[in-house]
Amino acid sequence: MGEKKYDLLLVAVIQAQDAESAQNGLKKFGATSEQLSSIGGFLGRKNTTLLIGTSSSKITQVLEVLQETCRQRIEYIAVPLESAPLPLPTPTPISIGGATIFVVEVEHYEEV
């Protein structure tokens, strides 16, 4: 049967706006990826979940691509000022983005 083509599956949750550049970078290293739309997190923003098949020998390069293409950003949310007589929203900076990555070993891989 030969050597396994993929022995790792990475599940990467990234911002939707980073998906295209991440997938283009992954293609350069021969990592196969599938894109799923997702919503979640503190702000309930649109995300993209990438399912990335790769070999153990390429994991460092794949993680570097995700680190380079999936950057964190500062956004402001309106938080009501509690001590004010009127509910005045105060802009509060929060950090969003980057990538949350889960690495799972693949026991069996098959193309049919």
PDB file of N, CA and C in Angstrom:
ATOM      1  N   MET A   1       0.817  -1.185   0.000  1.00  0.00           N
ATOM      2  CA  MET A   1       0.000   0.000   0.000  1.00  0.00           C
ATOM      3  C   MET A   1       0.864   1.252   0.000  1.00  0.00           C
ATOM      4  N   GLY A   2       2.126   1.157   0.446  1.00  0.00           N
ATOM      5  CA  GLY A   2       3.021   2.303   0.369  1.00  0.00           C
ATOM      6  C   GLY A   2       2.904   3.228   1.564  1.00  0.00           C
ATOM      7  N   GLU A   3       3.665   4.301   1.486  1.00  0.00           N
ATOM      8  CA  GLU A   3       3.681   5.290   2.561  1.00  0.00           C
ATOM      9  C   GLU A   3       2.393   6.099   2.571  1.00  0.00           C
ATOM     10  N   LYS A   4       1.948   6.438   3.781  1.00  0.00           N
ATOM     11  CA  LYS A   4       0.739   7.256   3.900  1.00  0.00           C
ATOM     12  C   LYS A   4       1.010   8.651   3.359  1.00  0.00           C
ATOM     13  N   LYS A   5       0.099   9.130   2.536  1.00  0.00           N
ATOM     14  CA  LYS A   5       0.237  10.475   1.979  1.00  0.00           C
ATOM     15  C   LYS A   5      -0.007  11.517   3.071  1.00  0.00           C
ATOM     16  N   TYR A   6      -1.007  11.281   3.895  1.00  0.00           N
ATOM     17  CA  TYR A   6      -1.353  12.193   4.984  1.00  0.00           C
ATOM     18  C   TYR A   6      -1.392  11.402   6.276  1.00  0.00           C
ATOM     19  N   ASP A   7      -0.671  11.874   7.275  1.00  0.00           N
ATOM     20  CA  ASP A   7      -0.764  11.230   8.580  1.00  0.00           C
ATOM     21  C   ASP A   7      -1.217  12.203   9.661  1.00  0.00           C
ATOM     22  N   LEU A   8      -1.488  13.466   9.245  1.00  0.00           N
ATOM     23  CA  LEU A   8      -2.005  14.462  10.179  1.00  0.00           C
ATOM     24  C   LEU A   8      -3.174  15.214   9.558  1.00  0.00           C
ATOM     25  N   LEU A   9      -4.141  15.533  10.389  1.00  0.00           N
ATOM     26  CA  LEU A   9      -5.255  16.394   9.998  1.00  0.00           C
ATOM     27  C   LEU A   9      -5.220  17.599  10.928  1.00  0.00           C
ATOM     28  N   LEU A  10      -5.127  18.773  10.333  1.00  0.00           N
ATOM     29  CA  LEU A  10      -5.176  20.008  11.108  1.00  0.00           C
ATOM     30  C   LEU A  10      -6.549  20.623  10.923  1.00  0.00           C
ATOM     31  N   VAL A  11      -7.155  21.020  12.010  1.00  0.00           N
ATOM     32  CA  VAL A  11      -8.420  21.746  11.982  1.00  0.00           C
ATOM     33  C   VAL A  11      -8.078  23.161  12.440  1.00  0.00           C
ATOM     34  N   ALA A  12      -8.133  24.110  11.500  1.00  0.00           N
ATOM     35  CA  ALA A  12      -7.731  25.487  11.793  1.00  0.00           C
ATOM     36  C   ALA A  12      -8.930  26.410  11.667  1.00  0.00           C
ATOM     37  N   VAL A  13      -9.278  27.086  12.748  1.00  0.00           N
ATOM     38  CA  VAL A  13     -10.361  28.070  12.739  1.00  0.00           C
ATOM     39  C   VAL A  13      -9.705  29.435  12.564  1.00  0.00           C
ATOM     40  N   ILE A  14     -10.038  30.101  11.440  1.00  0.00           N
ATOM     41  CA  ILE A  14      -9.413  31.376  11.096  1.00  0.00           C
ATOM     42  C   ILE A  14     -10.495  32.377  10.713  1.00  0.00           C
ATOM     43  N   GLN A  15     -10.120  33.642  10.562  1.00  0.00           N
ATOM     44  CA  GLN A  15     -11.080  34.641  10.096  1.00  0.00           C
ATOM     45  C   GLN A  15     -11.351  34.408   8.614  1.00  0.00           C
ATOM     46  N   ALA A  16     -12.594  34.627   8.203  1.00  0.00           N
ATOM     47  CA  ALA A  16     -12.988  34.398   6.816  1.00  0.00           C
ATOM     48  C   ALA A  16     -12.128  35.209   5.852  1.00  0.00           C
ATOM     49  N   GLN A  17     -11.734  36.407   6.242  1.00  0.00           N
ATOM     50  CA  GLN A  17     -10.952  37.254   5.340  1.00  0.00           C
ATOM     51  C   GLN A  17      -9.525  36.755   5.136  1.00  0.00           C
ATOM     52  N   ASP A  18      -9.057  35.818   5.958  1.00  0.00           N
ATOM     53  CA  ASP A  18      -7.717  35.247   5.800  1.00  0.00           C
ATOM     54  C   ASP A  18      -7.721  33.931   5.026  1.00  0.00           C
ATOM     55  N   ALA A  19      -8.897  33.406   4.719  1.00  0.00           N
ATOM     56  CA  ALA A  19      -9.004  32.067   4.144  1.00  0.00           C
ATOM     57  C   ALA A  19      -8.305  31.930   2.796  1.00  0.00           C
ATOM     58  N   GLU A  20      -8.517  32.871   1.898  1.00  0.00           N
ATOM     59  CA  GLU A  20      -7.939  32.745   0.557  1.00  0.00           C
ATOM     60  C   GLU A  20      -6.410  32.750   0.598  1.00  0.00           C
ATOM     61  N   SER A  21      -5.827  33.671   1.340  1.00  0.00           N
ATOM     62  CA  SER A  21      -4.361  33.725   1.403  1.00  0.00           C
ATOM     63  C   SER A  21      -3.796  32.496   2.114  1.00  0.00           C
ATOM     64  N   ALA A  22      -4.500  31.992   3.112  1.00  0.00           N
ATOM     65  CA  ALA A  22      -4.047  30.783   3.806  1.00  0.00           C
ATOM     66  C   ALA A  22      -4.068  29.589   2.860  1.00  0.00           C
ATOM     67  N   GLN A  23      -5.153  29.416   2.111  1.00  0.00           N
ATOM     68  CA  GLN A  23      -5.240  28.283   1.193  1.00  0.00           C
ATOM     69  C   GLN A  23      -4.208  28.380   0.075  1.00  0.00           C
ATOM     70  N   ASN A  24      -3.973  29.578  -0.438  1.00  0.00           N
ATOM     71  CA  ASN A  24      -2.948  29.741  -1.473  1.00  0.00           C
ATOM     72  C   ASN A  24      -1.569  29.376  -0.937  1.00  0.00           C
ATOM     73  N   GLY A  25      -1.268  29.788   0.288  1.00  0.00           N
ATOM     74  CA  GLY A  25       0.009  29.441   0.902  1.00  0.00           C
ATOM     75  C   GLY A  25       0.146  27.948   1.147  1.00  0.00           C
ATOM     76  N   LEU A  26      -0.941  27.304   1.541  1.00  0.00           N
ATOM     77  CA  LEU A  26      -0.908  25.864   1.807  1.00  0.00           C
ATOM     78  C   LEU A  26      -0.678  25.055   0.533  1.00  0.00           C
ATOM     79  N   LYS A  27      -1.232  25.513  -0.578  1.00  0.00           N
ATOM     80  CA  LYS A  27      -1.067  24.804  -1.855  1.00  0.00           C
ATOM     81  C   LYS A  27       0.397  24.700  -2.251  1.00  0.00           C
ATOM     82  N   LYS A  28       1.194  25.711  -1.906  1.00  0.00           N
ATOM     83  CA  LYS A  28       2.619  25.714  -2.258  1.00  0.00           C
ATOM     84  C   LYS A  28       3.375  24.548  -1.629  1.00  0.00           C
ATOM     85  N   PHE A  29       2.911  24.069  -0.480  1.00  0.00           N
ATOM     86  CA  PHE A  29       3.583  22.982   0.221  1.00  0.00           C
ATOM     87  C   PHE A  29       2.896  21.635   0.010  1.00  0.00           C
ATOM     88  N   GLY A  30       1.932  21.592  -0.872  1.00  0.00           N
ATOM     89  CA  GLY A  30       1.251  20.341  -1.157  1.00  0.00           C
ATOM     90  C   GLY A  30       0.287  19.902  -0.078  1.00  0.00           C
ATOM     91  N   ALA A  31      -0.138  20.821   0.767  1.00  0.00           N
ATOM     92  CA  ALA A  31      -1.117  20.487   1.804  1.00  0.00           C
ATOM     93  C   ALA A  31      -2.515  20.649   1.217  1.00  0.00           C
ATOM     94  N   THR A  32      -3.316  19.628   1.324  1.00  0.00           N
ATOM     95  CA  THR A  32      -4.683  19.662   0.835  1.00  0.00           C
ATOM     96  C   THR A  32      -5.573  20.280   1.899  1.00  0.00           C
ATOM     97  N   SER A  33      -6.466  21.177   1.483  1.00  0.00           N
ATOM     98  CA  SER A  33      -7.363  21.781   2.474  1.00  0.00           C
ATOM     99  C   SER A  33      -8.779  21.881   1.929  1.00  0.00           C
ATOM    100  N   GLU A  34      -9.710  21.754   2.834  1.00  0.00           N
ATOM    101  CA  GLU A  34     -11.129  21.950   2.541  1.00  0.00           C
ATOM    102  C   GLU A  34     -11.615  23.070   3.440  1.00  0.00           C
ATOM    103  N   GLN A  35     -12.483  23.908   2.898  1.00  0.00           N
ATOM    104  CA  GLN A  35     -12.957  25.090   3.618  1.00  0.00           C
ATOM    105  C   GLN A  35     -14.411  24.918   4.034  1.00  0.00           C
ATOM    106  N   LEU A  36     -14.682  25.189   5.310  1.00  0.00           N
ATOM    107  CA  LEU A  36     -16.038  25.156   5.850  1.00  0.00           C
ATOM    108  C   LEU A  36     -16.338  26.508   6.484  1.00  0.00           C
ATOM    109  N   SER A  37     -17.515  27.034   6.244  1.00  0.00           N
ATOM    110  CA  SER A  37     -17.914  28.281   6.895  1.00  0.00           C
ATOM    111  C   SER A  37     -18.334  27.977   8.324  1.00  0.00           C
ATOM    112  N   SER A  38     -17.985  28.870   9.235  1.00  0.00           N
ATOM    113  CA  SER A  38     -18.372  28.686  10.633  1.00  0.00           C
ATOM    114  C   SER A  38     -18.597  30.048  11.272  1.00  0.00           C
ATOM    115  N   ILE A  39     -19.330  30.041  12.361  1.00  0.00           N
ATOM    116  CA  ILE A  39     -19.612  31.267  13.107  1.00  0.00           C
ATOM    117  C   ILE A  39     -19.366  30.957  14.576  1.00  0.00           C
ATOM    118  N   GLY A  40     -18.777  31.908  15.266  1.00  0.00           N
ATOM    119  CA  GLY A  40     -18.576  31.668  16.686  1.00  0.00           C
ATOM    120  C   GLY A  40     -17.644  32.672  17.302  1.00  0.00           C
ATOM    121  N   GLY A  41     -17.243  32.361  18.501  1.00  0.00           N
ATOM    122  CA  GLY A  41     -16.352  33.249  19.224  1.00  0.00           C
ATOM    123  C   GLY A  41     -17.119  34.305  19.979  1.00  0.00           C
ATOM    124  N   PHE A  42     -16.382  35.143  20.631  1.00  0.00           N
ATOM    125  CA  PHE A  42     -16.943  36.175  21.498  1.00  0.00           C
ATOM    126  C   PHE A  42     -17.877  37.115  20.741  1.00  0.00           C
ATOM    127  N   LEU A  43     -17.503  37.491  19.523  1.00  0.00           N
ATOM    128  CA  LEU A  43     -18.304  38.449  18.761  1.00  0.00           C
ATOM    129  C   LEU A  43     -19.297  37.787  17.810  1.00  0.00           C
ATOM    130  N   GLY A  44     -19.276  36.471  17.708  1.00  0.00           N
ATOM    131  CA  GLY A  44     -20.181  35.781  16.795  1.00  0.00           C
ATOM    132  C   GLY A  44     -19.894  36.106  15.337  1.00  0.00           C
ATOM    133  N   ARG A  45     -18.635  36.329  15.004  1.00  0.00           N
ATOM    134  CA  ARG A  45     -18.243  36.697  13.643  1.00  0.00           C
ATOM    135  C   ARG A  45     -18.140  35.472  12.748  1.00  0.00           C
ATOM    136  N   LYS A  46     -18.180  35.747  11.434  1.00  0.00           N
ATOM    137  CA  LYS A  46     -17.980  34.666  10.475  1.00  0.00           C
ATOM    138  C   LYS A  46     -16.518  34.237  10.511  1.00  0.00           C
ATOM    139  N   ASN A  47     -16.330  32.952  10.587  1.00  0.00           N
ATOM    140  CA  ASN A  47     -15.006  32.350  10.555  1.00  0.00           C
ATOM    141  C   ASN A  47     -14.957  31.365   9.406  1.00  0.00           C
ATOM    142  N   THR A  48     -13.798  30.825   9.183  1.00  0.00           N
ATOM    143  CA  THR A  48     -13.620  29.727   8.247  1.00  0.00           C
ATOM    144  C   THR A  48     -12.874  28.640   8.991  1.00  0.00           C
ATOM    145  N   THR A  49     -13.339  27.417   8.852  1.00  0.00           N
ATOM    146  CA  THR A  49     -12.628  26.281   9.411  1.00  0.00           C
ATOM    147  C   THR A  49     -11.981  25.544   8.256  1.00  0.00           C
ATOM    148  N   LEU A  50     -10.661  25.411   8.309  1.00  0.00           N
ATOM    149  CA  LEU A  50      -9.928  24.683   7.282  1.00  0.00           C
ATOM    150  C   LEU A  50      -9.592  23.296   7.805  1.00  0.00           C
ATOM    151  N   LEU A  51      -9.913  22.286   7.017  1.00  0.00           N
ATOM    152  CA  LEU A  51      -9.485  20.921   7.295  1.00  0.00           C
ATOM    153  C   LEU A  51      -8.280  20.687   6.401  1.00  0.00           C
ATOM    154  N   ILE A  52      -7.113  20.486   6.995  1.00  0.00           N
ATOM    155  CA  ILE A  52      -5.862  20.436   6.248  1.00  0.00           C
ATOM    156  C   ILE A  52      -5.223  19.065   6.423  1.00  0.00           C
ATOM    157  N   GLY A  53      -5.056  18.365   5.320  1.00  0.00           N
ATOM    158  CA  GLY A  53      -4.361  17.085   5.338  1.00  0.00           C
ATOM    159  C   GLY A  53      -2.904  17.299   4.984  1.00  0.00           C
ATOM    160  N   THR A  54      -2.001  16.753   5.803  1.00  0.00           N
ATOM    161  CA  THR A  54      -0.571  16.917   5.530  1.00  0.00           C
ATOM    162  C   THR A  54       0.208  15.760   6.141  1.00  0.00           C
ATOM    163  N   SER A  55       1.483  15.710   5.827  1.00  0.00           N
ATOM    164  CA  SER A  55       2.350  14.694   6.414  1.00  0.00           C
ATOM    165  C   SER A  55       3.128  15.305   7.577  1.00  0.00           C
ATOM    166  N   SER A  56       3.630  14.453   8.441  1.00  0.00           N
ATOM    167  CA  SER A  56       4.400  14.920   9.603  1.00  0.00           C
ATOM    168  C   SER A  56       5.610  15.733   9.176  1.00  0.00           C
ATOM    169  N   SER A  57       6.178  15.396   8.031  1.00  0.00           N
ATOM    170  CA  SER A  57       7.379  16.093   7.566  1.00  0.00           C
ATOM    171  C   SER A  57       7.100  17.532   7.144  1.00  0.00           C
ATOM    172  N   LYS A  58       5.837  17.864   6.881  1.00  0.00           N
ATOM    173  CA  LYS A  58       5.491  19.216   6.423  1.00  0.00           C
ATOM    174  C   LYS A  58       4.755  20.049   7.473  1.00  0.00           C
ATOM    175  N   ILE A  59       4.589  19.524   8.675  1.00  0.00           N
ATOM    176  CA  ILE A  59       3.784  20.217   9.680  1.00  0.00           C
ATOM    177  C   ILE A  59       4.366  21.587  10.037  1.00  0.00           C
ATOM    178  N   THR A  60       5.672  21.692  10.133  1.00  0.00           N
ATOM    179  CA  THR A  60       6.292  22.973  10.484  1.00  0.00           C
ATOM    180  C   THR A  60       5.989  24.024   9.430  1.00  0.00           C
ATOM    181  N   GLN A  61       6.097  23.636   8.152  1.00  0.00           N
ATOM    182  CA  GLN A  61       5.819  24.583   7.069  1.00  0.00           C
ATOM    183  C   GLN A  61       4.356  24.996   7.050  1.00  0.00           C
ATOM    184  N   VAL A  62       3.467  24.053   7.294  1.00  0.00           N
ATOM    185  CA  VAL A  62       2.033  24.361   7.304  1.00  0.00           C
ATOM    186  C   VAL A  62       1.717  25.343   8.434  1.00  0.00           C
ATOM    187  N   LEU A  63       2.267  25.103   9.613  1.00  0.00           N
ATOM    188  CA  LEU A  63       2.030  26.006  10.740  1.00  0.00           C
ATOM    189  C   LEU A  63       2.609  27.396  10.467  1.00  0.00           C
ATOM    190  N   GLU A  64       3.754  27.456   9.803  1.00  0.00           N
ATOM    191  CA  GLU A  64       4.345  28.752   9.449  1.00  0.00           C
ATOM    192  C   GLU A  64       3.455  29.518   8.473  1.00  0.00           C
ATOM    193  N   VAL A  65       2.882  28.805   7.491  1.00  0.00           N
ATOM    194  CA  VAL A  65       1.972  29.450   6.532  1.00  0.00           C
ATOM    195  C   VAL A  65       0.777  30.037   7.271  1.00  0.00           C
ATOM    196  N   LEU A  66       0.192  29.274   8.176  1.00  0.00           N
ATOM    197  CA  LEU A  66      -0.965  29.765   8.927  1.00  0.00           C
ATOM    198  C   LEU A  66      -0.580  30.955   9.805  1.00  0.00           C
ATOM    199  N   GLN A  67       0.599  30.914  10.381  1.00  0.00           N
ATOM    200  CA  GLN A  67       1.051  32.023  11.223  1.00  0.00           C
ATOM    201  C   GLN A  67       1.252  33.292  10.394  1.00  0.00           C
ATOM    202  N   GLU A  68       1.753  33.143   9.171  1.00  0.00           N
ATOM    203  CA  GLU A  68       2.004  34.301   8.304  1.00  0.00           C
ATOM    204  C   GLU A  68       0.726  34.878   7.699  1.00  0.00           C
ATOM    205  N   THR A  69      -0.250  34.033   7.420  1.00  0.00           N
ATOM    206  CA  THR A  69      -1.438  34.487   6.689  1.00  0.00           C
ATOM    207  C   THR A  69      -2.644  34.775   7.570  1.00  0.00           C
ATOM    208  N   CYS A  70      -2.645  34.305   8.790  1.00  0.00           N
ATOM    209  CA  CYS A  70      -3.794  34.484   9.681  1.00  0.00           C
ATOM    210  C   CYS A  70      -3.380  35.398  10.826  1.00  0.00           C
ATOM    211  N   ARG A  71      -3.586  36.678  10.628  1.00  0.00           N
ATOM    212  CA  ARG A  71      -3.071  37.635  11.608  1.00  0.00           C
ATOM    213  C   ARG A  71      -4.155  38.097  12.574  1.00  0.00           C
ATOM    214  N   GLN A  72      -3.698  38.547  13.724  1.00  0.00           N
ATOM    215  CA  GLN A  72      -4.617  39.117  14.704  1.00  0.00           C
ATOM    216  C   GLN A  72      -4.879  40.574  14.364  1.00  0.00           C
ATOM    217  N   ARG A  73      -6.071  41.035  14.712  1.00  0.00           N
ATOM    218  CA  ARG A  73      -6.477  42.410  14.461  1.00  0.00           C
ATOM    219  C   ARG A  73      -7.100  42.983  15.730  1.00  0.00           C
ATOM    220  N   ILE A  74      -7.077  44.296  15.828  1.00  0.00           N
ATOM    221  CA  ILE A  74      -7.733  44.979  16.944  1.00  0.00           C
ATOM    222  C   ILE A  74      -9.052  45.543  16.430  1.00  0.00           C
ATOM    223  N   GLU A  75     -10.142  45.216  17.112  1.00  0.00           N
ATOM    224  CA  GLU A  75     -11.453  45.787  16.804  1.00  0.00           C
ATOM    225  C   GLU A  75     -11.998  46.411  18.081  1.00  0.00           C
ATOM    226  N   TYR A  76     -12.919  47.306  17.905  1.00  0.00           N
ATOM    227  CA  TYR A  76     -13.514  48.000  19.051  1.00  0.00           C
ATOM    228  C   TYR A  76     -14.975  47.596  19.194  1.00  0.00           C
ATOM    229  N   ILE A  77     -15.355  47.280  20.421  1.00  0.00           N
ATOM    230  CA  ILE A  77     -16.756  46.993  20.709  1.00  0.00           C
ATOM    231  C   ILE A  77     -17.258  48.051  21.687  1.00  0.00           C
ATOM    232  N   ALA A  78     -18.550  48.316  21.628  1.00  0.00           N
ATOM    233  CA  ALA A  78     -19.154  49.318  22.515  1.00  0.00           C
ATOM    234  C   ALA A  78     -19.604  48.641  23.806  1.00  0.00           C
ATOM    235  N   VAL A  79     -19.008  49.063  24.903  1.00  0.00           N
ATOM    236  CA  VAL A  79     -19.360  48.537  26.221  1.00  0.00           C
ATOM    237  C   VAL A  79     -20.005  49.668  27.009  1.00  0.00           C
ATOM    238  N   PRO A  80     -21.215  49.454  27.554  1.00  0.00           N
ATOM    239  CA  PRO A  80     -21.870  50.526  28.323  1.00  0.00           C
ATOM    240  C   PRO A  80     -21.058  50.900  29.558  1.00  0.00           C
ATOM    241  N   LEU A  81     -20.940  52.178  29.800  1.00  0.00           N
ATOM    242  CA  LEU A  81     -20.241  52.695  30.973  1.00  0.00           C
ATOM    243  C   LEU A  81     -21.202  52.609  32.158  1.00  0.00           C
ATOM    244  N   GLU A  82     -20.892  51.763  33.123  1.00  0.00           N
ATOM    245  CA  GLU A  82     -21.816  51.480  34.224  1.00  0.00           C
ATOM    246  C   GLU A  82     -22.034  52.665  35.156  1.00  0.00           C
ATOM    247  N   SER A  83     -21.041  53.481  35.357  1.00  0.00           N
ATOM    248  CA  SER A  83     -21.172  54.567  36.331  1.00  0.00           C
ATOM    249  C   SER A  83     -21.891  55.794  35.767  1.00  0.00           C
ATOM    250  N   ALA A  84     -22.177  55.802  34.477  1.00  0.00           N
ATOM    251  CA  ALA A  84     -22.838  56.959  33.861  1.00  0.00           C
ATOM    252  C   ALA A  84     -24.346  56.900  34.108  1.00  0.00           C
ATOM    253  N   PRO A  85     -25.007  58.066  34.280  1.00  0.00           N
ATOM    254  CA  PRO A  85     -26.459  58.076  34.479  1.00  0.00           C
ATOM    255  C   PRO A  85     -27.198  57.589  33.225  1.00  0.00           C
ATOM    256  N   LEU A  86     -26.632  57.824  32.069  1.00  0.00           N
ATOM    257  CA  LEU A  86     -27.177  57.297  30.815  1.00  0.00           C
ATOM    258  C   LEU A  86     -26.241  56.194  30.318  1.00  0.00           C
ATOM    259  N   PRO A  87     -26.791  55.186  29.668  1.00  0.00           N
ATOM    260  CA  PRO A  87     -25.918  54.105  29.177  1.00  0.00           C
ATOM    261  C   PRO A  87     -25.069  54.569  27.983  1.00  0.00           C
ATOM    262  N   LEU A  88     -23.945  55.195  28.277  1.00  0.00           N
ATOM    263  CA  LEU A  88     -23.046  55.675  27.231  1.00  0.00           C
ATOM    264  C   LEU A  88     -22.078  54.557  26.841  1.00  0.00           C
ATOM    265  N   PRO A  89     -22.095  54.151  25.587  1.00  0.00           N
ATOM    266  CA  PRO A  89     -21.160  53.099  25.179  1.00  0.00           C
ATOM    267  C   PRO A  89     -19.727  53.638  25.088  1.00  0.00           C
ATOM    268  N   THR A  90     -18.807  52.877  25.617  1.00  0.00           N
ATOM    269  CA  THR A  90     -17.394  53.222  25.567  1.00  0.00           C
ATOM    270  C   THR A  90     -16.694  52.244  24.631  1.00  0.00           C
ATOM    271  N   PRO A  91     -15.982  52.749  23.604  1.00  0.00           N
ATOM    272  CA  PRO A  91     -15.266  51.828  22.715  1.00  0.00           C
ATOM    273  C   PRO A  91     -14.136  51.123  23.469  1.00  0.00           C
ATOM    274  N   THR A  92     -14.154  49.803  23.417  1.00  0.00           N
ATOM    275  CA  THR A  92     -13.154  48.996  24.102  1.00  0.00           C
ATOM    276  C   THR A  92     -12.423  48.137  23.077  1.00  0.00           C
ATOM    277  N   PRO A  93     -11.085  48.224  23.017  1.00  0.00           N
ATOM    278  CA  PRO A  93     -10.343  47.425  22.040  1.00  0.00           C
ATOM    279  C   PRO A  93     -10.263  45.963  22.461  1.00  0.00           C
ATOM    280  N   ILE A  94     -10.450  45.068  21.495  1.00  0.00           N
ATOM    281  CA  ILE A  94     -10.262  43.638  21.728  1.00  0.00           C
ATOM    282  C   ILE A  94      -9.441  43.077  20.575  1.00  0.00           C
ATOM    283  N   SER A  95      -8.700  42.038  20.860  1.00  0.00           N
ATOM    284  CA  SER A  95      -7.876  41.378  19.850  1.00  0.00           C
ATOM    285  C   SER A  95      -8.655  40.198  19.283  1.00  0.00           C
ATOM    286  N   ILE A  96      -8.780  40.143  17.956  1.00  0.00           N
ATOM    287  CA  ILE A  96      -9.468  39.029  17.308  1.00  0.00           C
ATOM    288  C   ILE A  96      -8.561  38.468  16.227  1.00  0.00           C
ATOM    289  N   GLY A  97      -8.899  37.298  15.768  1.00  0.00           N
ATOM    290  CA  GLY A  97      -8.185  36.731  14.631  1.00  0.00           C
ATOM    291  C   GLY A  97      -7.083  35.783  15.030  1.00  0.00           C
ATOM    292  N   GLY A  98      -6.129  35.657  14.126  1.00  0.00           N
ATOM    293  CA  GLY A  98      -5.110  34.644  14.302  1.00  0.00           C
ATOM    294  C   GLY A  98      -5.697  33.312  13.866  1.00  0.00           C
ATOM    295  N   ALA A  99      -5.213  32.258  14.435  1.00  0.00           N
ATOM    296  CA  ALA A  99      -5.708  30.926  14.095  1.00  0.00           C
ATOM    297  C   ALA A  99      -5.733  30.066  15.350  1.00  0.00           C
ATOM    298  N   THR A 100      -6.788  29.281  15.478  1.00  0.00           N
ATOM    299  CA  THR A 100      -6.860  28.254  16.510  1.00  0.00           C
ATOM    300  C   THR A 100      -6.716  26.933  15.781  1.00  0.00           C
ATOM    301  N   ILE A 101      -5.678  26.172  16.120  1.00  0.00           N
ATOM    302  CA  ILE A 101      -5.323  24.986  15.336  1.00  0.00           C
ATOM    303  C   ILE A 101      -5.328  23.745  16.222  1.00  0.00           C
ATOM    304  N   PHE A 102      -6.020  22.718  15.753  1.00  0.00           N
ATOM    305  CA  PHE A 102      -6.021  21.409  16.401  1.00  0.00           C
ATOM    306  C   PHE A 102      -5.308  20.444  15.457  1.00  0.00           C
ATOM    307  N   VAL A 103      -4.400  19.632  15.980  1.00  0.00           N
ATOM    308  CA  VAL A 103      -3.671  18.658  15.168  1.00  0.00           C
ATOM    309  C   VAL A 103      -4.096  17.265  15.617  1.00  0.00           C
ATOM    310  N   VAL A 104      -4.564  16.471  14.649  1.00  0.00           N
ATOM    311  CA  VAL A 104      -5.072  15.132  14.936  1.00  0.00           C
ATOM    312  C   VAL A 104      -4.307  14.123  14.082  1.00  0.00           C
ATOM    313  N   GLU A 105      -3.840  13.048  14.705  1.00  0.00           N
ATOM    314  CA  GLU A 105      -3.168  11.994  13.942  1.00  0.00           C
ATOM    315  C   GLU A 105      -4.201  11.220  13.133  1.00  0.00           C
ATOM    316  N   VAL A 106      -3.842  10.902  11.895  1.00  0.00           N
ATOM    317  CA  VAL A 106      -4.732  10.155  11.006  1.00  0.00           C
ATOM    318  C   VAL A 106      -4.322   8.689  11.052  1.00  0.00           C
ATOM    319  N   GLU A 107      -5.239   7.854  11.491  1.00  0.00           N
ATOM    320  CA  GLU A 107      -4.960   6.428  11.576  1.00  0.00           C
ATOM    321  C   GLU A 107      -5.104   5.763  10.216  1.00  0.00           C
ATOM    322  N   HIS A 108      -6.096   6.216   9.458  1.00  0.00           N
ATOM    323  CA  HIS A 108      -6.353   5.617   8.145  1.00  0.00           C
ATOM    324  C   HIS A 108      -6.729   6.720   7.175  1.00  0.00           C
ATOM    325  N   TYR A 109      -6.160   6.667   5.993  1.00  0.00           N
ATOM    326  CA  TYR A 109      -6.450   7.637   4.936  1.00  0.00           C
ATOM    327  C   TYR A 109      -6.660   6.862   3.645  1.00  0.00           C
ATOM    328  N   GLU A 110      -7.687   7.250   2.895  1.00  0.00           N
ATOM    329  CA  GLU A 110      -8.000   6.520   1.667  1.00  0.00           C
ATOM    330  C   GLU A 110      -8.622   7.452   0.648  1.00  0.00           C
ATOM    331  N   GLU A 111      -8.204   7.337  -0.594  1.00  0.00           N
ATOM    332  CA  GLU A 111      -8.836   8.065  -1.697  1.00  0.00           C
ATOM    333  C   GLU A 111      -9.574   7.046  -2.542  1.00  0.00           C
ATOM    334  N   VAL A 112     -10.843   7.303  -2.806  1.00  0.00           N
ATOM    335  CA  VAL A 112     -11.630   6.364  -3.623  1.00  0.00           C
ATOM    336  C   VAL A 112     -12.218   7.058  -4.827  1.00  0.00           C
TER     337      VAL A 112
END
